[in-house]
């Protein structure tokens, strides 16, 4: 299994809006930093955020274009495209920094180009 598998799986989870699988990837200590929000600590808080996010964007597909991986850390360059709940087209591009420990994601920090909606 490739070293960056868990990082790629995270973006598949986002595209499929699979909260059960997201629950499996995170820990009670996972930290999530998302632009224009307060830091989120713990998978319960992160899953609540993702549920709201998925309602806002019921259709959003992520495409990973590059992964730079080193010792349990990754920088993932991605694009996404979809539709908001108001049926408005949406697309964005960014980089997410991730850290893995013992097969779980413990750190997520998003940096993306379009933050107008947030």
N, C-alpha and C. Protein backbone atom coordinates (compact mmCIF):
# COMPACT_ATOMS: atom_id res chain seq x y z
N UNK A 1 0.85 -1.19 0.00
CA UNK A 1 0.00 0.00 0.00
C UNK A 1 0.89 1.25 0.00
N UNK A 2 0.64 2.20 -0.89
CA UNK A 2 1.49 3.40 -0.94
C UNK A 2 1.42 4.19 0.37
N UNK A 3 2.52 4.86 0.67
CA UNK A 3 2.60 5.64 1.90
C UNK A 3 1.55 6.74 1.97
N UNK A 4 1.19 7.29 0.83
CA UNK A 4 0.24 8.42 0.85
C UNK A 4 -1.21 7.96 0.73
N UNK A 5 -1.45 6.65 0.85
CA UNK A 5 -2.81 6.11 0.69
C UNK A 5 -3.82 6.78 1.62
N UNK A 6 -3.50 6.93 2.88
CA UNK A 6 -4.46 7.52 3.82
C UNK A 6 -4.77 8.97 3.47
N UNK A 7 -3.79 9.67 2.95
CA UNK A 7 -4.01 11.06 2.56
C UNK A 7 -4.94 11.14 1.34
N UNK A 8 -4.73 10.26 0.39
CA UNK A 8 -5.62 10.21 -0.78
C UNK A 8 -7.02 9.76 -0.38
N UNK A 9 -7.09 8.83 0.56
CA UNK A 9 -8.38 8.35 1.04
C UNK A 9 -9.19 9.49 1.67
N UNK A 10 -8.52 10.42 2.34
CA UNK A 10 -9.21 11.56 2.94
C UNK A 10 -9.96 12.36 1.88
N UNK A 11 -9.34 12.58 0.74
CA UNK A 11 -10.00 13.35 -0.33
C UNK A 11 -11.09 12.55 -1.03
N UNK A 12 -10.96 11.25 -1.06
CA UNK A 12 -12.03 10.40 -1.57
C UNK A 12 -13.24 10.50 -0.63
N UNK A 13 -12.98 10.50 0.67
CA UNK A 13 -14.04 10.65 1.68
C UNK A 13 -14.77 11.97 1.47
N UNK A 14 -14.02 13.04 1.21
CA UNK A 14 -14.65 14.34 0.97
C UNK A 14 -15.51 14.31 -0.28
N UNK A 15 -15.01 13.71 -1.34
CA UNK A 15 -15.77 13.64 -2.59
C UNK A 15 -17.03 12.79 -2.44
N UNK A 16 -16.94 11.72 -1.67
CA UNK A 16 -18.08 10.83 -1.48
C UNK A 16 -18.97 11.26 -0.32
N UNK A 17 -18.53 12.27 0.43
CA UNK A 17 -19.25 12.77 1.59
C UNK A 17 -19.59 11.63 2.55
N UNK A 18 -18.58 10.83 2.83
CA UNK A 18 -18.73 9.62 3.65
C UNK A 18 -18.29 9.90 5.09
N UNK A 19 -19.24 10.31 5.92
CA UNK A 19 -18.92 10.65 7.31
C UNK A 19 -18.47 9.44 8.12
N UNK A 20 -18.99 8.25 7.80
CA UNK A 20 -18.55 7.04 8.52
C UNK A 20 -17.08 6.77 8.28
N UNK A 21 -16.67 6.89 7.03
CA UNK A 21 -15.25 6.66 6.71
C UNK A 21 -14.39 7.78 7.28
N UNK A 22 -14.89 9.02 7.27
CA UNK A 22 -14.15 10.12 7.89
C UNK A 22 -13.92 9.83 9.36
N UNK A 23 -14.93 9.30 10.02
CA UNK A 23 -14.82 8.92 11.43
C UNK A 23 -13.67 7.93 11.64
N UNK A 24 -13.51 6.99 10.70
CA UNK A 24 -12.44 5.99 10.80
C UNK A 24 -11.05 6.57 10.59
N UNK A 25 -10.94 7.70 9.89
CA UNK A 25 -9.63 8.28 9.57
C UNK A 25 -9.11 9.22 10.65
N UNK A 26 -10.00 9.71 11.52
CA UNK A 26 -9.65 10.75 12.49
C UNK A 26 -9.56 10.19 13.90
N UNK A 27 -9.01 11.01 14.82
CA UNK A 27 -8.92 10.62 16.23
C UNK A 27 -9.59 11.68 17.10
N UNK A 28 -9.70 11.38 18.35
CA UNK A 28 -10.26 12.34 19.31
C UNK A 28 -9.35 13.56 19.47
N UNK A 29 -8.10 13.45 19.02
CA UNK A 29 -7.15 14.56 19.14
C UNK A 29 -6.86 15.26 17.81
N UNK A 30 -7.45 14.80 16.73
CA UNK A 30 -7.17 15.40 15.42
C UNK A 30 -7.46 16.90 15.47
N UNK A 31 -6.55 17.68 14.89
CA UNK A 31 -6.70 19.13 14.78
C UNK A 31 -7.01 19.48 13.34
N UNK A 32 -7.98 20.39 13.15
CA UNK A 32 -8.37 20.80 11.81
C UNK A 32 -8.42 22.32 11.78
N UNK A 33 -7.65 22.90 10.86
CA UNK A 33 -7.59 24.34 10.68
C UNK A 33 -8.13 24.66 9.28
N UNK A 34 -9.25 25.36 9.26
CA UNK A 34 -9.96 25.67 8.02
C UNK A 34 -10.09 27.19 7.95
N UNK A 35 -9.80 27.81 6.79
CA UNK A 35 -9.85 29.27 6.69
C UNK A 35 -11.15 29.87 7.22
N UNK A 36 -10.99 30.97 7.91
CA UNK A 36 -12.10 31.78 8.44
C UNK A 36 -12.96 31.05 9.46
N UNK A 37 -12.41 30.02 10.12
CA UNK A 37 -13.11 29.34 11.21
C UNK A 37 -12.16 29.21 12.39
N UNK A 38 -12.71 28.94 13.54
CA UNK A 38 -11.90 28.64 14.72
C UNK A 38 -11.30 27.24 14.54
N UNK A 39 -10.13 26.99 15.15
CA UNK A 39 -9.56 25.63 15.08
C UNK A 39 -10.55 24.61 15.63
N UNK A 40 -10.60 23.46 15.00
CA UNK A 40 -11.48 22.38 15.45
C UNK A 40 -10.60 21.25 15.98
N UNK A 41 -10.85 20.85 17.21
CA UNK A 41 -10.08 19.78 17.83
C UNK A 41 -11.00 18.61 18.12
N UNK A 42 -10.60 17.44 17.65
CA UNK A 42 -11.35 16.21 17.90
C UNK A 42 -12.29 15.85 16.76
N UNK A 43 -12.40 14.55 16.52
CA UNK A 43 -13.18 14.11 15.37
C UNK A 43 -14.65 14.45 15.48
N UNK A 44 -15.22 14.50 16.69
CA UNK A 44 -16.64 14.85 16.81
C UNK A 44 -16.90 16.25 16.27
N UNK A 45 -16.05 17.19 16.63
CA UNK A 45 -16.19 18.57 16.17
C UNK A 45 -15.97 18.66 14.65
N UNK A 46 -14.97 17.93 14.17
CA UNK A 46 -14.65 17.94 12.74
C UNK A 46 -15.79 17.30 11.93
N UNK A 47 -16.34 16.20 12.42
CA UNK A 47 -17.44 15.54 11.73
C UNK A 47 -18.68 16.43 11.68
N UNK A 48 -18.92 17.18 12.74
CA UNK A 48 -20.05 18.12 12.75
C UNK A 48 -19.84 19.19 11.68
N UNK A 49 -18.60 19.71 11.60
CA UNK A 49 -18.28 20.70 10.57
C UNK A 49 -18.48 20.11 9.17
N UNK A 50 -17.97 18.89 8.94
CA UNK A 50 -18.09 18.27 7.63
C UNK A 50 -19.55 18.05 7.25
N UNK A 51 -20.38 17.69 8.20
CA UNK A 51 -21.81 17.50 7.93
C UNK A 51 -22.43 18.81 7.43
N UNK A 52 -22.08 19.93 8.07
CA UNK A 52 -22.56 21.24 7.64
C UNK A 52 -21.99 21.59 6.26
N UNK A 53 -20.70 21.34 6.08
CA UNK A 53 -20.03 21.60 4.80
C UNK A 53 -20.70 20.82 3.67
N UNK A 54 -21.00 19.54 3.91
CA UNK A 54 -21.62 18.71 2.89
C UNK A 54 -23.04 19.19 2.57
N UNK A 55 -23.74 19.74 3.53
CA UNK A 55 -25.07 20.32 3.24
C UNK A 55 -24.92 21.56 2.36
N UNK A 56 -23.87 22.34 2.63
CA UNK A 56 -23.62 23.55 1.84
C UNK A 56 -23.21 23.21 0.40
N UNK A 57 -22.45 22.13 0.26
CA UNK A 57 -21.97 21.68 -1.06
C UNK A 57 -22.32 20.21 -1.24
N UNK A 58 -23.56 19.91 -1.61
CA UNK A 58 -23.99 18.51 -1.73
C UNK A 58 -23.30 17.77 -2.87
N UNK A 59 -22.70 18.51 -3.76
CA UNK A 59 -21.96 17.90 -4.87
C UNK A 59 -20.62 18.63 -4.97
N UNK A 60 -19.55 17.95 -4.60
CA UNK A 60 -18.21 18.55 -4.65
C UNK A 60 -17.19 17.43 -4.80
N UNK A 61 -16.55 17.39 -5.94
CA UNK A 61 -15.58 16.33 -6.24
C UNK A 61 -14.16 16.91 -6.16
N UNK A 62 -13.33 16.27 -5.37
CA UNK A 62 -11.93 16.66 -5.23
C UNK A 62 -11.07 15.82 -6.16
N UNK A 63 -10.13 16.48 -6.81
CA UNK A 63 -9.13 15.80 -7.64
C UNK A 63 -7.76 16.15 -7.09
N UNK A 64 -7.02 15.14 -6.67
CA UNK A 64 -5.67 15.35 -6.16
C UNK A 64 -4.73 15.44 -7.34
N UNK A 65 -3.96 16.53 -7.40
CA UNK A 65 -3.04 16.71 -8.53
C UNK A 65 -1.59 16.40 -8.16
N UNK A 66 -1.26 16.53 -6.87
CA UNK A 66 0.11 16.24 -6.44
C UNK A 66 0.14 15.98 -4.95
N UNK A 67 0.97 15.02 -4.54
CA UNK A 67 1.19 14.75 -3.12
C UNK A 67 2.68 14.78 -2.85
N UNK A 68 3.07 15.59 -1.90
CA UNK A 68 4.46 15.59 -1.43
C UNK A 68 4.42 14.97 -0.05
N UNK A 69 5.09 13.85 0.11
CA UNK A 69 4.98 13.04 1.32
C UNK A 69 6.35 12.86 1.97
N UNK A 70 6.40 13.05 3.29
CA UNK A 70 7.65 12.83 4.01
C UNK A 70 7.35 12.47 5.46
N UNK A 71 7.77 11.28 5.87
CA UNK A 71 7.72 10.86 7.28
C UNK A 71 6.37 11.12 7.95
N UNK A 72 5.29 10.65 7.38
CA UNK A 72 3.98 10.80 8.00
C UNK A 72 3.32 12.15 7.80
N UNK A 73 3.96 13.01 7.02
CA UNK A 73 3.40 14.33 6.70
C UNK A 73 3.18 14.40 5.19
N UNK A 74 2.17 15.17 4.79
CA UNK A 74 1.93 15.34 3.36
C UNK A 74 1.40 16.73 3.08
N UNK A 75 1.77 17.23 1.92
CA UNK A 75 1.16 18.42 1.34
C UNK A 75 0.44 17.93 0.09
N UNK A 76 -0.87 18.12 0.07
CA UNK A 76 -1.69 17.62 -1.03
C UNK A 76 -2.26 18.80 -1.80
N UNK A 77 -1.89 18.89 -3.08
CA UNK A 77 -2.43 19.92 -3.97
C UNK A 77 -3.67 19.32 -4.63
N UNK A 78 -4.77 20.05 -4.57
CA UNK A 78 -6.04 19.55 -5.08
C UNK A 78 -6.82 20.64 -5.81
N UNK A 79 -7.77 20.19 -6.61
CA UNK A 79 -8.79 21.06 -7.17
C UNK A 79 -10.12 20.42 -6.81
N UNK A 80 -11.17 21.25 -6.79
CA UNK A 80 -12.50 20.67 -6.62
C UNK A 80 -13.48 21.41 -7.51
N UNK A 81 -14.58 20.73 -7.74
CA UNK A 81 -15.62 21.29 -8.62
C UNK A 81 -16.94 20.66 -8.21
N UNK A 82 -17.98 21.50 -8.19
CA UNK A 82 -19.29 20.96 -7.84
C UNK A 82 -20.37 22.02 -7.88
N UNK A 83 -21.36 21.81 -7.01
CA UNK A 83 -22.54 22.66 -6.99
C UNK A 83 -22.91 22.94 -5.53
N UNK A 84 -23.25 24.19 -5.26
CA UNK A 84 -23.71 24.54 -3.92
C UNK A 84 -25.16 24.09 -3.74
N UNK A 85 -25.66 24.19 -2.52
CA UNK A 85 -27.05 23.82 -2.26
C UNK A 85 -28.03 24.74 -2.99
N UNK A 86 -27.54 25.92 -3.38
CA UNK A 86 -28.37 26.86 -4.16
C UNK A 86 -28.24 26.64 -5.67
N UNK A 87 -27.61 25.51 -6.03
CA UNK A 87 -27.42 25.13 -7.44
C UNK A 87 -26.48 26.10 -8.17
N UNK A 88 -25.56 26.71 -7.42
CA UNK A 88 -24.54 27.58 -8.02
C UNK A 88 -23.28 26.76 -8.24
N UNK A 89 -22.67 26.86 -9.43
CA UNK A 89 -21.43 26.14 -9.67
C UNK A 89 -20.33 26.65 -8.74
N UNK A 90 -19.48 25.74 -8.33
CA UNK A 90 -18.39 26.09 -7.43
C UNK A 90 -17.14 25.32 -7.86
N UNK A 91 -16.00 26.00 -7.81
CA UNK A 91 -14.72 25.32 -7.99
C UNK A 91 -13.66 26.07 -7.23
N UNK A 92 -12.63 25.34 -6.85
CA UNK A 92 -11.57 25.92 -6.04
C UNK A 92 -10.30 25.10 -6.23
N UNK A 93 -9.22 25.62 -5.69
CA UNK A 93 -7.92 24.96 -5.75
C UNK A 93 -7.19 25.27 -4.46
N UNK A 94 -6.46 24.29 -3.93
CA UNK A 94 -5.74 24.56 -2.70
C UNK A 94 -4.72 23.50 -2.38
N UNK A 95 -4.16 23.66 -1.19
CA UNK A 95 -3.20 22.72 -0.63
C UNK A 95 -3.66 22.41 0.79
N UNK A 96 -3.63 21.15 1.13
CA UNK A 96 -3.94 20.74 2.49
C UNK A 96 -2.71 20.06 3.07
N UNK A 97 -2.32 20.51 4.25
CA UNK A 97 -1.24 19.86 4.98
C UNK A 97 -1.87 18.84 5.92
N UNK A 98 -1.31 17.63 5.92
CA UNK A 98 -1.84 16.55 6.75
C UNK A 98 -0.70 15.87 7.49
N UNK A 99 -1.04 15.33 8.65
CA UNK A 99 -0.08 14.52 9.41
C UNK A 99 -0.79 13.25 9.86
N UNK A 100 -0.07 12.15 9.76
CA UNK A 100 -0.61 10.85 10.14
C UNK A 100 0.23 10.27 11.26
N UNK A 101 -0.45 9.61 12.19
CA UNK A 101 0.23 8.89 13.25
C UNK A 101 -0.57 7.62 13.53
N UNK A 102 0.11 6.48 13.55
CA UNK A 102 -0.52 5.19 13.79
C UNK A 102 -1.74 4.94 12.90
N UNK A 103 -1.61 5.30 11.62
CA UNK A 103 -2.65 5.01 10.65
C UNK A 103 -3.87 5.92 10.68
N UNK A 104 -3.80 7.01 11.46
CA UNK A 104 -4.91 7.96 11.55
C UNK A 104 -4.40 9.36 11.24
N UNK A 105 -5.28 10.20 10.74
CA UNK A 105 -4.92 11.59 10.47
C UNK A 105 -5.05 12.38 11.77
N UNK A 106 -3.98 13.07 12.17
CA UNK A 106 -4.01 13.81 13.42
C UNK A 106 -3.93 15.32 13.23
N UNK A 107 -3.66 15.75 11.99
CA UNK A 107 -3.53 17.18 11.72
C UNK A 107 -3.98 17.46 10.29
N UNK A 108 -4.83 18.48 10.14
CA UNK A 108 -5.31 18.92 8.83
C UNK A 108 -5.30 20.44 8.82
N UNK A 109 -4.68 21.03 7.83
CA UNK A 109 -4.70 22.49 7.70
C UNK A 109 -4.89 22.84 6.22
N UNK A 110 -5.99 23.54 5.95
CA UNK A 110 -6.36 23.88 4.57
C UNK A 110 -5.92 25.28 4.19
N UNK A 111 -5.43 25.39 2.97
CA UNK A 111 -5.09 26.67 2.35
C UNK A 111 -5.69 26.62 0.95
N UNK A 112 -6.61 27.55 0.65
CA UNK A 112 -7.19 27.52 -0.69
C UNK A 112 -7.42 28.92 -1.21
N UNK A 113 -7.62 28.99 -2.52
CA UNK A 113 -7.65 30.28 -3.21
C UNK A 113 -8.93 31.06 -2.97
N UNK A 114 -10.09 30.42 -3.05
CA UNK A 114 -11.36 31.15 -2.95
C UNK A 114 -11.92 31.01 -1.54
N UNK A 115 -11.81 32.07 -0.75
CA UNK A 115 -12.36 32.04 0.60
C UNK A 115 -13.55 32.98 0.73
N UNK A 116 -14.06 33.48 -0.40
CA UNK A 116 -15.19 34.42 -0.37
C UNK A 116 -16.41 33.84 0.34
N UNK A 117 -16.70 32.58 0.11
CA UNK A 117 -17.90 31.96 0.65
C UNK A 117 -17.79 31.71 2.16
N UNK A 118 -16.59 31.78 2.68
CA UNK A 118 -16.38 31.50 4.10
C UNK A 118 -16.10 32.77 4.79
